[in-house]
Amino acid sequence: MSPARRRSRPVIGLALAGGGPVGGIYEVGALAALDEALDGADLSDLDIYVGVSSGAFVAAMLANGLRPAKLARMLMENDADEVFDPDILLRPAFGEYGKRLRRVPPLFWSSLLRYLSDPLHAGLFESFQRMSRALPAGIFDSAGIDALLCRLFSGDGRTNDFRQLRKKLFLVATDLESGASVAFGGPGRDSTPISTAVQASAALPGLFPPVEIDGNFYVDGALIKTLHASVALREGADLVLCINPLVPFDSGLAAQKPRAATPDDTPPRLVDGGLPAVLSQTFRAIIRSRMQVGMGRYQREFENADVVLFEPAADDAEMFFTNVFSYGSRRSVCEHAYQRTRSELYRRREELAPILARHGIRLNLALLRDRRCSLLPDSRNGRLATLTDSLEHSLDELAHCLQLRADKAA
């Protein structure tokens, strides 16, 4: 790191990738683990936040001062006023349906006239192909995201205005007409309400209609890049903590784990999981490949900065096959992410300690060794949830000791 950077306080950023509802829930659990274990870093008081898709939802919360533990309680408990209900993502886009239905009659008659004008040369399918314009641009209405965040940001010192935040917040969406990435919160893009920018960044094509902002239409920001950590690096971040919740599943590695460590309904092969499993694996492989290219580019272009990535293991069957739209799944995914991130921090402690120390951060190893830690209100449930991770923790320790002995013998 250059002397100029060492003289000033390190600028720390956080970049959160997309991944749908399950990805956002995983990120909250992982963030809760990081917030506890990283002494010297308050994840609700960093310098720069970058969010994409579901990561935009979480990043906006953090930039407004909500701590990861608070977000976890909002997801896992129903006894508070501030509760995130996934049902807001499953409301049909009736307005979009009605708008498209009104287009059917003129499209039908224009298609019929085109066919009848030259039936010998104009094919029936080709003539009526324009009827596809009547198909809805999305199945579900994402306006609930905007409304929910407007309510959450309306009090307690929070704000729905990028310009009033004490920290820098960038929410990345994709301009539908040009395919270009747009970082709301940046110069000339900070007048859009934060809630609307989140809605645009999370508008996954096919599921949610594009979001109109100032006459332009925007869709999911993950279409171009997975993380967009470069946004924080260009803003001068010395350290960027990144979370990517979606990785390709390795069924071969998962088969080597004890049967008790995988969900009971895990199919022996991904193809046995049908179309959802095949599409999920394909999507994960694409975004992971893009992210690896991006991480390599960050190292070349920003050699004075550090980028640290956290993500699930490739054999994480629970993360791959979970049903995120049930209340029980939300709790288990959040706790699972919390415990796995704690295990990863401890396993990578020798790698991470010097990197974090350069930026005034220290790993709390005593807390990471405490297997009683849990996000679940019932500590007994927490201990049951960490049983598998405790076993993996012990095996990692054994492998570490054996490696040290082998190195000494050599």
Protein backbone atom coordinates (compact mmCIF):
# COMPACT_ATOMS: atom_id res chain seq x y z
CA MET A 1 0.00 0.00 0.00
CA SER A 2 1.32 3.45 -0.86
CA PRO A 3 2.56 5.82 1.91
CA ALA A 4 -0.16 8.30 1.01
CA ARG A 5 -2.84 5.77 1.83
CA ARG A 6 -1.12 4.70 5.07
CA ARG A 7 -1.18 8.27 6.41
CA SER A 8 -4.95 8.55 6.25
CA ARG A 9 -7.72 6.52 7.87
CA PRO A 10 -8.50 3.48 5.72
CA VAL A 11 -11.61 3.81 3.57
CA ILE A 12 -13.65 0.64 3.89
CA GLY A 13 -16.41 -0.44 1.52
CA LEU A 14 -18.91 -3.27 1.26
CA ALA A 15 -20.13 -4.81 -2.01
CA LEU A 16 -23.13 -7.14 -2.01
CA ALA A 17 -24.02 -9.25 -5.03
CA GLY A 18 -27.48 -10.35 -6.12
CA GLY A 19 -29.11 -13.72 -5.71
CA GLY A 20 -32.85 -13.28 -5.30
CA PRO A 21 -34.56 -13.57 -1.92
CA VAL A 22 -32.39 -16.51 -0.83
CA GLY A 23 -29.26 -14.53 -1.67
CA GLY A 24 -30.38 -11.52 0.36
CA ILE A 25 -31.19 -13.71 3.36
CA TYR A 26 -27.81 -15.42 3.11
CA GLU A 27 -26.09 -12.04 3.00
CA VAL A 28 -27.83 -10.89 6.18
CA GLY A 29 -26.66 -13.98 8.07
CA ALA A 30 -23.13 -13.64 6.73
CA LEU A 31 -23.05 -9.93 7.61
CA ALA A 32 -24.17 -10.68 11.17
CA ALA A 33 -21.21 -13.05 11.55
CA LEU A 34 -18.77 -10.52 10.08
CA ASP A 35 -20.09 -7.68 12.21
CA GLU A 36 -19.51 -9.72 15.37
CA ALA A 37 -16.11 -11.11 14.47
CA LEU A 38 -14.38 -8.09 12.88
CA ASP A 39 -13.17 -5.86 15.70
CA GLY A 40 -12.63 -2.34 14.38
CA ALA A 41 -15.27 -2.53 11.64
CA ASP A 42 -18.91 -1.56 12.16
CA LEU A 43 -20.77 -2.85 9.11
CA SER A 44 -23.55 -0.32 9.63
CA ASP A 45 -21.02 2.53 9.66
CA LEU A 46 -18.66 1.88 6.74
CA ASP A 47 -17.61 4.50 4.21
CA ILE A 48 -19.04 3.06 0.98
CA TYR A 49 -21.86 0.62 0.23
CA VAL A 50 -22.52 -0.98 -3.17
CA GLY A 51 -25.52 -3.22 -3.76
CA VAL A 52 -26.88 -5.14 -6.72
CA SER A 53 -30.32 -6.79 -6.93
CA SER A 54 -31.14 -8.32 -3.52
CA GLY A 55 -27.80 -6.97 -2.35
CA ALA A 56 -29.14 -3.47 -3.06
CA PHE A 57 -31.95 -4.10 -0.58
CA VAL A 58 -29.48 -5.09 2.16
CA ALA A 59 -26.96 -2.35 1.31
CA ALA A 60 -29.65 0.34 1.55
CA MET A 61 -30.60 -0.91 5.01
CA LEU A 62 -27.01 -0.88 6.24
CA ALA A 63 -26.33 2.58 4.83
CA ASN A 64 -29.33 3.78 6.84
CA GLY A 65 -27.71 2.55 10.03
CA LEU A 66 -29.53 -0.75 10.54
CA ARG A 67 -27.14 -3.27 12.05
CA PRO A 68 -26.92 -6.79 10.58
CA ALA A 69 -28.26 -8.29 13.81
CA LYS A 70 -31.34 -6.06 13.50
CA LEU A 71 -31.85 -7.16 9.88
CA ALA A 72 -31.57 -10.79 10.98
CA ARG A 73 -34.29 -10.26 13.61
CA MET A 74 -36.51 -8.63 11.00
CA LEU A 75 -36.17 -11.74 8.85
CA MET A 76 -36.37 -14.37 11.56
CA GLU A 77 -38.90 -13.02 14.05
CA ASN A 78 -42.50 -11.90 13.76
CA ASP A 79 -42.75 -10.02 17.04
CA ALA A 80 -41.46 -6.67 15.76
CA ASP A 81 -43.08 -3.94 13.70
CA GLU A 82 -40.29 -4.00 11.14
CA VAL A 83 -40.65 -7.39 9.49
CA PHE A 84 -39.76 -8.29 5.93
CA ASP A 85 -42.52 -10.38 4.40
CA PRO A 86 -41.48 -12.23 1.21
CA ASP A 87 -45.14 -12.23 0.16
CA ILE A 88 -44.59 -8.70 -1.15
CA LEU A 89 -42.51 -10.29 -3.92
CA LEU A 90 -45.28 -12.68 -4.97
CA ARG A 91 -48.11 -10.28 -5.72
CA PRO A 92 -49.24 -10.53 -9.37
CA ALA A 93 -48.50 -7.52 -11.58
CA PHE A 94 -52.16 -6.84 -12.36
CA GLY A 95 -51.39 -3.37 -13.72
CA GLU A 96 -48.92 -4.87 -16.21
CA TYR A 97 -51.43 -7.56 -17.17
CA GLY A 98 -54.14 -4.96 -17.85
CA LYS A 99 -51.83 -2.77 -19.91
CA ARG A 100 -50.82 -5.70 -22.09
CA LEU A 101 -54.38 -6.98 -22.49
CA ARG A 102 -55.42 -3.63 -23.94
CA ARG A 103 -52.87 -4.16 -26.68
CA VAL A 104 -54.33 -7.49 -27.80
CA PRO A 105 -57.15 -6.24 -30.11
CA PRO A 106 -55.06 -3.79 -32.20
CA LEU A 107 -52.17 -6.26 -32.38
CA PHE A 108 -54.50 -9.06 -33.47
CA TRP A 109 -56.16 -7.04 -36.25
CA SER A 110 -52.89 -5.62 -37.56
CA SER A 111 -51.41 -9.14 -37.62
CA LEU A 112 -54.47 -10.53 -39.41
CA LEU A 113 -54.41 -7.75 -42.01
CA ARG A 114 -50.74 -8.36 -42.64
CA TYR A 115 -51.38 -12.04 -43.25
CA LEU A 116 -54.45 -11.50 -45.45
CA SER A 117 -52.67 -8.86 -47.54
CA ASP A 118 -50.25 -11.49 -48.90
CA PRO A 119 -51.19 -14.98 -47.65
CA LEU A 120 -48.97 -16.68 -50.25
CA HIS A 121 -45.77 -15.07 -48.96
CA ALA A 122 -46.53 -13.95 -45.40
CA GLY A 123 -46.48 -16.99 -43.14
CA LEU A 124 -49.15 -17.31 -40.47
CA PHE A 125 -46.63 -17.57 -37.61
CA GLU A 126 -44.51 -14.73 -38.94
CA SER A 127 -47.53 -12.46 -39.36
CA PHE A 128 -48.81 -13.08 -35.85
CA GLN A 129 -45.39 -12.91 -34.21
CA ARG A 130 -46.07 -9.33 -33.17
CA MET A 131 -48.71 -10.71 -30.78
CA SER A 132 -45.80 -11.45 -28.44
CA ARG A 133 -45.82 -7.73 -27.62
CA ALA A 134 -48.95 -8.41 -25.57
CA LEU A 135 -47.06 -10.71 -23.19
CA PRO A 136 -46.49 -9.13 -19.75
CA ALA A 137 -42.96 -7.86 -19.11
CA GLY A 138 -43.08 -9.43 -15.65
CA ILE A 139 -45.15 -11.83 -13.58
CA PHE A 140 -44.94 -10.21 -10.15
CA ASP A 141 -45.32 -6.62 -8.98
CA SER A 142 -42.18 -5.26 -7.29
CA ALA A 143 -43.85 -2.04 -6.15
CA GLY A 144 -44.10 -3.58 -2.68
CA ILE A 145 -40.33 -3.22 -2.33
CA ASP A 146 -40.55 0.51 -2.91
CA ALA A 147 -43.45 0.87 -0.46
CA LEU A 148 -41.76 -1.24 2.23
CA LEU A 149 -38.51 0.71 2.08
CA CYS A 150 -40.33 4.06 2.01
CA ARG A 151 -41.94 3.06 5.29
CA LEU A 152 -38.73 1.75 6.84
CA PHE A 153 -36.76 4.86 5.88
CA SER A 154 -39.40 7.34 7.05
CA GLY A 155 -38.31 7.63 10.68
CA ASP A 156 -35.69 6.97 13.36
CA GLY A 157 -33.09 9.15 11.72
CA ARG A 158 -33.25 7.22 8.46
CA THR A 159 -33.67 8.69 5.00
CA ASN A 160 -34.88 7.71 1.55
CA ASP A 161 -32.62 10.35 -0.03
CA PHE A 162 -29.11 9.44 -1.20
CA ARG A 163 -28.00 13.03 -0.61
CA GLN A 164 -28.90 12.95 3.07
CA LEU A 165 -26.96 9.80 3.92
CA ARG A 166 -23.77 10.20 5.93
CA LYS A 167 -22.20 7.39 3.91
CA LYS A 168 -21.88 6.77 0.19
CA LEU A 169 -24.44 4.36 -1.21
CA PHE A 170 -24.47 3.08 -4.79
CA LEU A 171 -27.26 0.84 -6.08
CA VAL A 172 -26.57 -0.62 -9.52
CA ALA A 173 -29.24 -1.27 -12.15
CA THR A 174 -29.15 -1.94 -15.90
CA ASP A 175 -30.57 0.51 -18.44
CA LEU A 176 -32.90 -1.66 -20.53
CA GLU A 177 -32.53 0.37 -23.72
CA SER A 178 -28.71 0.58 -23.76
CA GLY A 179 -27.63 -2.36 -21.60
CA ALA A 180 -25.36 -0.03 -19.62
CA SER A 181 -24.85 -0.21 -15.86
CA VAL A 182 -26.16 2.74 -13.89
CA ALA A 183 -25.07 3.42 -10.31
CA PHE A 184 -27.86 5.29 -8.52
CA GLY A 185 -26.42 7.43 -5.79
CA GLY A 186 -23.60 8.67 -8.01
CA PRO A 187 -23.33 12.15 -9.55
CA GLY A 188 -26.49 13.03 -11.43
CA ARG A 189 -28.19 9.85 -10.15
CA ASP A 190 -28.73 10.79 -6.50
CA SER A 191 -32.14 12.46 -6.78
CA THR A 192 -33.92 9.12 -7.28
CA PRO A 193 -35.42 7.81 -4.02
CA ILE A 194 -33.33 5.01 -2.51
CA SER A 195 -36.39 2.74 -2.38
CA THR A 196 -37.05 3.17 -6.11
CA ALA A 197 -33.40 2.51 -6.95
CA VAL A 198 -33.57 -0.74 -4.97
CA GLN A 199 -36.73 -1.72 -6.85
CA ALA A 200 -34.98 -1.07 -10.17
CA SER A 201 -31.81 -2.92 -9.21
CA ALA A 202 -33.84 -5.98 -8.17
CA ALA A 203 -36.17 -6.06 -11.22
CA LEU A 204 -35.16 -9.51 -12.49
CA PRO A 205 -36.35 -9.77 -16.13
CA GLY A 206 -39.22 -12.18 -16.55
CA LEU A 207 -40.22 -12.06 -12.90
CA PHE A 208 -40.62 -8.31 -12.40
CA PRO A 209 -41.46 -5.59 -14.95
CA PRO A 210 -38.78 -2.98 -15.69
CA VAL A 211 -38.92 0.04 -13.39
CA GLU A 212 -39.41 3.46 -14.96
CA ILE A 213 -37.24 6.28 -13.59
CA ASP A 214 -37.19 9.69 -15.29
CA GLY A 215 -38.52 8.23 -18.53
CA ASN A 216 -35.98 5.37 -18.71
CA PHE A 217 -36.58 1.73 -17.83
CA TYR A 218 -34.24 -0.29 -15.61
CA VAL A 219 -33.82 -3.95 -14.75
CA ASP A 220 -31.64 -6.09 -12.49
CA GLY A 221 -28.10 -4.73 -12.09
CA ALA A 222 -26.59 -8.23 -12.03
CA LEU A 223 -27.10 -8.60 -15.79
CA ILE A 224 -23.76 -6.87 -16.45
CA LYS A 225 -21.60 -7.73 -13.43
CA THR A 226 -22.00 -9.89 -10.36
CA LEU A 227 -20.53 -7.63 -7.67
CA HIS A 228 -19.70 -4.16 -9.04
CA ALA A 229 -17.01 -3.83 -6.34
CA SER A 230 -15.17 -1.56 -8.78
CA VAL A 231 -17.67 1.18 -7.90
CA ALA A 232 -16.31 1.26 -4.34
CA LEU A 233 -12.71 0.94 -5.50
CA ARG A 234 -13.07 3.91 -7.83
CA GLU A 235 -14.45 5.90 -4.91
CA GLY A 236 -11.14 5.34 -3.10
CA ALA A 237 -11.85 2.28 -0.97
CA ASP A 238 -8.72 0.73 0.56
CA LEU A 239 -10.58 -2.42 1.59
CA VAL A 240 -13.77 -3.84 0.08
CA LEU A 241 -15.57 -6.68 1.82
CA CYS A 242 -17.64 -8.65 -0.71
CA ILE A 243 -20.38 -11.24 -0.34
CA ASN A 244 -21.55 -13.39 -3.23
CA PRO A 245 -24.34 -15.73 -2.08
CA LEU A 246 -24.65 -17.87 -5.22
CA VAL A 247 -22.01 -20.38 -6.31
CA PRO A 248 -22.28 -23.48 -8.54
CA PHE A 249 -23.12 -26.63 -6.62
CA ASP A 250 -20.62 -29.51 -6.70
CA SER A 251 -22.66 -32.67 -6.15
CA GLY A 252 -19.48 -34.77 -6.08
CA LEU A 253 -18.13 -32.87 -3.09
CA ALA A 254 -21.53 -32.94 -1.40
CA ALA A 255 -21.69 -36.73 -1.78
CA GLN A 256 -18.51 -37.02 0.30
CA LYS A 257 -20.13 -35.30 3.28
CA PRO A 258 -22.02 -37.24 5.98
CA ARG A 259 -25.63 -37.83 4.97
CA ALA A 260 -26.81 -35.94 8.07
CA ALA A 261 -25.07 -32.82 6.77
CA THR A 262 -27.29 -32.55 3.68
CA PRO A 263 -31.06 -31.97 3.40
CA ASP A 264 -33.13 -35.16 3.28
CA ASP A 265 -34.69 -34.30 -0.09
CA THR A 266 -31.37 -33.62 -1.87
CA PRO A 267 -31.45 -35.48 -5.24
CA PRO A 268 -28.45 -37.72 -6.01
CA ARG A 269 -27.76 -35.76 -9.23
CA LEU A 270 -28.72 -32.26 -10.25
CA VAL A 271 -30.53 -33.51 -13.35
CA ASP A 272 -32.87 -35.42 -11.02
CA GLY A 273 -33.92 -32.05 -9.58
CA GLY A 274 -35.61 -31.15 -12.86
CA LEU A 275 -35.65 -27.85 -14.69
CA PRO A 276 -35.35 -25.59 -11.58
CA ALA A 277 -32.12 -27.29 -10.52
CA VAL A 278 -30.67 -27.19 -14.04
CA LEU A 279 -31.51 -23.51 -14.52
CA SER A 280 -30.21 -22.62 -11.07
CA GLN A 281 -26.89 -24.37 -11.68
CA THR A 282 -26.54 -22.72 -15.10
CA PHE A 283 -27.25 -19.26 -13.71
CA ARG A 284 -24.84 -19.75 -10.81
CA ALA A 285 -22.07 -20.96 -13.11
CA ILE A 286 -22.46 -17.91 -15.36
CA ILE A 287 -22.37 -15.33 -12.57
CA ARG A 288 -19.51 -17.10 -10.79
CA SER A 289 -17.41 -17.10 -13.97
CA ARG A 290 -18.05 -13.38 -14.47
CA MET A 291 -17.17 -12.67 -10.86
CA GLN A 292 -13.85 -14.50 -11.08
CA VAL A 293 -12.92 -12.42 -14.12
CA GLY A 294 -13.87 -9.29 -12.21
CA MET A 295 -11.83 -10.24 -9.13
CA GLY A 296 -8.76 -10.73 -11.30
CA ARG A 297 -9.28 -7.34 -12.88
CA TYR A 298 -9.60 -5.67 -9.48
CA GLN A 299 -6.19 -7.01 -8.48
CA ARG A 300 -4.59 -5.57 -11.62
CA GLU A 301 -6.35 -2.20 -11.71
CA PHE A 302 -6.41 -1.47 -7.97
CA GLU A 303 -3.21 -3.07 -6.75
CA ASN A 304 -3.03 -0.82 -3.66
CA ALA A 305 -6.43 -1.94 -2.42
CA ASP A 306 -7.59 -5.20 -0.85
CA VAL A 307 -10.72 -7.08 -1.87
CA VAL A 308 -11.92 -9.91 0.39
CA LEU A 309 -14.68 -12.24 -0.81
CA PHE A 310 -17.03 -14.41 1.23
CA GLU A 311 -19.40 -16.94 -0.33
CA PRO A 312 -20.96 -20.37 0.36
CA ALA A 313 -19.01 -23.57 -0.15
CA ALA A 314 -19.46 -25.46 -3.41
CA ASP A 315 -20.89 -28.47 -1.51
CA ASP A 316 -23.51 -26.39 0.33
CA ALA A 317 -26.64 -28.41 -0.51
CA GLU A 318 -28.80 -26.53 1.98
CA MET A 319 -28.08 -23.24 0.25
CA PHE A 320 -28.71 -24.67 -3.23
CA PHE A 321 -31.92 -26.60 -2.57
CA THR A 322 -33.60 -24.45 0.08
CA ASN A 323 -37.19 -23.25 -0.28
CA VAL A 324 -36.77 -19.61 0.59
CA PHE A 325 -40.48 -18.73 0.52
CA SER A 326 -41.33 -20.54 3.74
CA TYR A 327 -40.91 -18.97 7.16
CA GLY A 328 -38.83 -21.90 8.41
CA SER A 329 -36.47 -21.63 5.44
CA ARG A 330 -35.82 -17.96 6.11
CA ARG A 331 -34.73 -18.76 9.63
CA SER A 332 -32.60 -21.74 8.67
CA VAL A 333 -30.87 -19.99 5.73
CA CYS A 334 -29.99 -16.94 7.82
CA GLU A 335 -28.62 -19.08 10.67
CA HIS A 336 -26.83 -21.34 8.20
CA ALA A 337 -25.10 -18.36 6.57
CA TYR A 338 -24.13 -17.01 9.98
CA GLN A 339 -22.53 -20.28 11.08
CA ARG A 340 -20.81 -21.00 7.76
CA THR A 341 -19.30 -17.51 7.65
CA ARG A 342 -18.02 -17.89 11.21
CA SER A 343 -16.40 -21.20 10.23
CA GLU A 344 -14.89 -19.63 7.11
CA LEU A 345 -13.44 -16.72 9.08
CA TYR A 346 -11.75 -19.12 11.48
CA ARG A 347 -10.53 -21.44 8.74
CA ARG A 348 -9.04 -18.51 6.77
CA ARG A 349 -7.71 -16.71 9.86
CA GLU A 350 -4.03 -16.85 8.86
CA GLU A 351 -4.84 -15.55 5.37
CA LEU A 352 -7.25 -12.83 6.53
CA ALA A 353 -5.50 -11.53 9.67
CA PRO A 354 -2.67 -9.62 7.93
CA ILE A 355 -5.01 -8.23 5.25
CA LEU A 356 -7.49 -6.94 7.79
CA ALA A 357 -4.72 -5.64 10.09
CA ARG A 358 -3.56 -3.29 7.32
CA HIS A 359 -6.89 -1.53 7.71
CA GLY A 360 -7.13 -1.50 11.50
CA ILE A 361 -9.36 -4.58 11.78
CA ARG A 362 -8.74 -7.61 13.96
CA LEU A 363 -10.39 -11.03 13.97
CA ASN A 364 -12.02 -11.87 17.29
CA LEU A 365 -10.81 -15.46 17.48
CA ALA A 366 -12.19 -16.04 20.97
CA LEU A 367 -15.69 -15.27 19.72
CA LEU A 368 -15.19 -17.43 16.62
CA ARG A 369 -14.20 -20.36 18.86
CA ASP A 370 -17.39 -20.00 20.90
CA ARG A 371 -19.71 -22.59 19.37
CA ARG A 372 -22.68 -21.34 21.44
CA CYS A 373 -23.10 -18.24 19.25
CA SER A 374 -26.33 -18.26 17.27
CA LEU A 375 -28.86 -15.93 15.64
CA LEU A 376 -31.73 -18.15 16.75
CA PRO A 377 -33.60 -16.90 19.83
CA ASP A 378 -33.55 -20.39 21.35
CA SER A 379 -29.91 -21.21 22.15
CA ARG A 380 -30.70 -24.93 22.16
CA ASN A 381 -31.82 -24.68 18.55
CA GLY A 382 -28.68 -22.71 17.84
CA ARG A 383 -26.47 -25.46 19.23
CA LEU A 384 -28.27 -28.04 17.10
CA ALA A 385 -27.86 -25.87 14.02
CA THR A 386 -24.09 -25.60 14.60
CA LEU A 387 -23.42 -29.30 15.17
CA THR A 388 -22.25 -29.96 11.61
CA ASP A 389 -20.19 -26.79 11.51
CA SER A 390 -18.53 -27.74 14.81
CA LEU A 391 -17.46 -31.05 13.29
CA GLU A 392 -16.09 -29.28 10.21
CA HIS A 393 -14.32 -26.80 12.50
CA SER A 394 -12.59 -29.66 14.35
CA LEU A 395 -11.58 -31.35 11.11
CA ASP A 396 -10.13 -28.08 9.81
CA GLU A 397 -8.11 -27.72 13.01
CA LEU A 398 -6.79 -31.25 12.64
CA ALA A 399 -5.85 -30.70 9.01
CA HIS A 400 -4.12 -27.44 9.95
CA CYS A 401 -2.04 -29.14 12.66
CA LEU A 402 -1.09 -31.99 10.35
CA GLN A 403 -0.03 -29.53 7.67
CA LEU A 404 2.18 -27.65 10.16
CA ARG A 405 3.86 -30.90 11.21
CA ALA A 406 4.40 -31.88 7.58
CA ASP A 407 5.96 -28.49 6.83
CA LYS A 408 8.32 -28.79 9.81
CA ALA A 409 9.33 -32.33 8.81
CA ALA A 410 10.09 -31.14 5.29
